[in-house]
């Protein structure tokens, strides 16, 4: 559970020490219907690269139409 507080003219989010988030770590925040999601951009890039490598590897897998 994190807590939002005021720091100067900005809002800041205090994270519990148990999460072991390194100081200076950058996250991308995405708004959702119930709040927001914090995503590590470097991890997201690694996941996208891994998914791109998998694309087309299962030729018998049916393609989902939109």
N, C-alpha and C. Protein backbone atom coordinates (compact mmCIF):
# COMPACT_ATOMS: atom_id res chain seq x y z
N UNK A 1 0.86 -1.17 0.00
CA UNK A 1 0.00 0.00 0.00
C UNK A 1 0.90 1.23 0.00
N UNK A 2 0.69 2.13 -0.94
CA UNK A 2 1.46 3.36 -1.02
C UNK A 2 0.64 4.52 -0.50
N UNK A 3 1.28 5.64 -0.25
CA UNK A 3 0.58 6.81 0.25
C UNK A 3 1.02 8.03 -0.54
N UNK A 4 0.05 8.81 -1.00
CA UNK A 4 0.33 10.04 -1.75
C UNK A 4 0.45 11.19 -0.75
N UNK A 5 1.46 12.04 -0.96
CA UNK A 5 1.64 13.21 -0.12
C UNK A 5 2.11 14.36 -0.98
N UNK A 6 2.07 15.57 -0.43
CA UNK A 6 2.47 16.76 -1.16
C UNK A 6 3.96 17.01 -0.92
N UNK A 7 4.68 17.26 -2.03
CA UNK A 7 6.09 17.58 -1.97
C UNK A 7 6.30 18.82 -2.83
N UNK A 8 6.40 19.97 -2.19
CA UNK A 8 6.46 21.23 -2.94
C UNK A 8 5.13 21.47 -3.62
N UNK A 9 5.13 21.67 -4.94
CA UNK A 9 3.89 21.84 -5.69
C UNK A 9 3.45 20.56 -6.39
N UNK A 10 4.07 19.45 -6.04
CA UNK A 10 3.77 18.18 -6.70
C UNK A 10 3.18 17.18 -5.72
N UNK A 11 2.54 16.16 -6.28
CA UNK A 11 2.10 15.02 -5.49
C UNK A 11 3.17 13.94 -5.62
N UNK A 12 3.47 13.28 -4.53
CA UNK A 12 4.48 12.22 -4.54
C UNK A 12 3.85 10.95 -3.97
N UNK A 13 4.37 9.82 -4.37
CA UNK A 13 3.87 8.53 -3.91
C UNK A 13 4.94 7.86 -3.08
N UNK A 14 4.62 7.60 -1.82
CA UNK A 14 5.55 6.93 -0.91
C UNK A 14 5.29 5.43 -1.01
N UNK A 15 6.35 4.67 -1.33
CA UNK A 15 6.23 3.23 -1.48
C UNK A 15 6.84 2.52 -0.27
N UNK A 16 6.24 1.41 0.16
CA UNK A 16 6.80 0.68 1.31
C UNK A 16 8.20 0.15 1.01
N UNK A 17 9.06 0.12 2.02
CA UNK A 17 10.43 -0.36 1.87
C UNK A 17 10.46 -1.82 1.44
N UNK A 18 9.42 -2.58 1.78
CA UNK A 18 9.37 -3.99 1.43
C UNK A 18 9.35 -4.25 -0.07
N UNK A 19 8.97 -3.25 -0.86
CA UNK A 19 8.97 -3.41 -2.32
C UNK A 19 10.38 -3.36 -2.89
N UNK A 20 11.31 -2.84 -2.14
CA UNK A 20 12.72 -2.74 -2.54
C UNK A 20 12.90 -2.07 -3.90
N UNK A 21 12.21 -0.95 -4.11
CA UNK A 21 12.35 -0.17 -5.34
C UNK A 21 13.59 0.72 -5.19
N UNK A 22 14.55 0.61 -6.14
CA UNK A 22 15.76 1.43 -6.02
C UNK A 22 15.46 2.92 -6.16
N UNK A 23 16.21 3.74 -5.43
CA UNK A 23 16.03 5.19 -5.54
C UNK A 23 16.36 5.64 -6.95
N UNK A 24 15.58 6.56 -7.47
CA UNK A 24 15.80 7.10 -8.81
C UNK A 24 15.16 6.26 -9.90
N UNK A 25 14.50 5.17 -9.57
CA UNK A 25 13.84 4.30 -10.55
C UNK A 25 12.72 5.07 -11.23
N UNK A 26 12.60 4.94 -12.55
CA UNK A 26 11.58 5.65 -13.31
C UNK A 26 10.49 4.66 -13.74
N UNK A 27 9.24 5.08 -13.60
CA UNK A 27 8.10 4.29 -14.01
C UNK A 27 7.21 5.10 -14.92
N UNK A 28 6.52 4.43 -15.84
CA UNK A 28 5.50 5.07 -16.66
C UNK A 28 4.17 4.78 -15.99
N UNK A 29 3.36 5.81 -15.75
CA UNK A 29 2.06 5.64 -15.12
C UNK A 29 0.97 5.68 -16.19
N UNK A 30 0.06 4.71 -16.12
CA UNK A 30 -1.05 4.64 -17.05
C UNK A 30 -2.35 4.66 -16.26
N UNK A 31 -3.24 5.58 -16.59
CA UNK A 31 -4.52 5.67 -15.89
C UNK A 31 -5.43 4.51 -16.29
N UNK A 32 -6.15 3.98 -15.30
CA UNK A 32 -7.15 2.93 -15.53
C UNK A 32 -8.45 3.39 -14.91
N UNK A 33 -9.51 2.62 -15.08
CA UNK A 33 -10.81 2.98 -14.52
C UNK A 33 -10.77 2.99 -12.99
N UNK A 34 -9.91 2.15 -12.38
CA UNK A 34 -9.88 2.06 -10.93
C UNK A 34 -8.68 2.76 -10.30
N UNK A 35 -7.86 3.45 -11.08
CA UNK A 35 -6.70 4.14 -10.54
C UNK A 35 -5.62 4.29 -11.57
N UNK A 36 -4.46 3.67 -11.33
CA UNK A 36 -3.38 3.71 -12.30
C UNK A 36 -2.49 2.48 -12.14
N UNK A 37 -1.68 2.25 -13.17
CA UNK A 37 -0.73 1.14 -13.18
C UNK A 37 0.65 1.73 -13.43
N UNK A 38 1.63 1.30 -12.63
CA UNK A 38 3.01 1.73 -12.81
C UNK A 38 3.77 0.63 -13.55
N UNK A 39 4.42 1.02 -14.65
CA UNK A 39 5.14 0.06 -15.49
C UNK A 39 6.59 0.51 -15.63
N UNK A 40 7.51 -0.43 -15.50
CA UNK A 40 8.92 -0.15 -15.71
C UNK A 40 9.17 -0.17 -17.22
N UNK A 41 9.52 0.97 -17.82
CA UNK A 41 9.70 1.03 -19.28
C UNK A 41 10.76 0.08 -19.82
N UNK A 42 11.83 -0.17 -19.06
CA UNK A 42 12.87 -1.08 -19.57
C UNK A 42 12.35 -2.52 -19.58
N UNK A 43 11.60 -2.91 -18.56
CA UNK A 43 11.01 -4.25 -18.55
C UNK A 43 9.98 -4.40 -19.66
N UNK A 44 9.22 -3.34 -19.92
CA UNK A 44 8.21 -3.37 -20.98
C UNK A 44 8.89 -3.56 -22.34
N UNK A 45 10.01 -2.89 -22.57
CA UNK A 45 10.73 -3.05 -23.83
C UNK A 45 11.25 -4.48 -23.99
N UNK A 46 11.73 -5.08 -22.90
CA UNK A 46 12.20 -6.47 -22.95
C UNK A 46 11.05 -7.41 -23.29
N UNK A 47 9.87 -7.19 -22.68
CA UNK A 47 8.71 -8.04 -22.96
C UNK A 47 8.27 -7.90 -24.41
N UNK A 48 8.27 -6.67 -24.93
CA UNK A 48 7.88 -6.46 -26.34
C UNK A 48 8.84 -7.18 -27.28
N UNK A 49 10.13 -7.12 -26.98
CA UNK A 49 11.13 -7.78 -27.82
C UNK A 49 10.93 -9.29 -27.79
N UNK A 50 10.65 -9.84 -26.61
CA UNK A 50 10.42 -11.28 -26.47
C UNK A 50 9.16 -11.69 -27.22
N UNK A 51 8.11 -10.89 -27.14
CA UNK A 51 6.86 -11.21 -27.85
C UNK A 51 7.08 -11.13 -29.36
N UNK A 52 7.86 -10.16 -29.83
CA UNK A 52 8.14 -10.04 -31.26
C UNK A 52 8.90 -11.27 -31.76
N UNK A 53 9.79 -11.81 -30.92
CA UNK A 53 10.55 -13.00 -31.30
C UNK A 53 9.62 -14.22 -31.40
N UNK A 54 8.57 -14.25 -30.58
CA UNK A 54 7.63 -15.37 -30.61
C UNK A 54 6.63 -15.29 -31.76
N UNK A 55 6.39 -14.08 -32.25
CA UNK A 55 5.38 -13.87 -33.28
C UNK A 55 5.69 -14.74 -34.50
N UNK A 56 4.72 -15.53 -34.91
CA UNK A 56 4.88 -16.38 -36.07
C UNK A 56 5.55 -17.71 -35.81
N UNK A 57 5.96 -17.96 -34.56
CA UNK A 57 6.65 -19.20 -34.26
C UNK A 57 5.72 -20.41 -34.19
N UNK A 58 4.43 -20.17 -34.03
CA UNK A 58 3.45 -21.27 -34.00
C UNK A 58 2.54 -21.11 -35.22
N UNK A 59 3.00 -21.62 -36.36
CA UNK A 59 2.29 -21.39 -37.63
C UNK A 59 0.90 -22.03 -37.66
N UNK A 60 0.66 -23.07 -36.85
CA UNK A 60 -0.65 -23.71 -36.84
C UNK A 60 -1.61 -23.05 -35.84
N UNK A 61 -1.16 -22.02 -35.11
CA UNK A 61 -2.02 -21.34 -34.15
C UNK A 61 -2.97 -20.42 -34.91
N UNK A 62 -4.29 -20.51 -34.64
CA UNK A 62 -5.24 -19.67 -35.39
C UNK A 62 -5.06 -18.19 -35.09
N UNK A 63 -5.18 -17.38 -36.12
CA UNK A 63 -5.06 -15.92 -35.97
C UNK A 63 -6.41 -15.38 -35.55
N UNK A 64 -6.42 -14.57 -34.51
CA UNK A 64 -7.65 -13.98 -34.00
C UNK A 64 -7.99 -12.75 -34.84
N UNK A 65 -9.21 -12.73 -35.34
CA UNK A 65 -9.65 -11.57 -36.14
C UNK A 65 -10.33 -10.57 -35.23
N UNK A 66 -10.07 -9.28 -35.47
CA UNK A 66 -10.65 -8.22 -34.64
C UNK A 66 -12.08 -7.95 -34.99
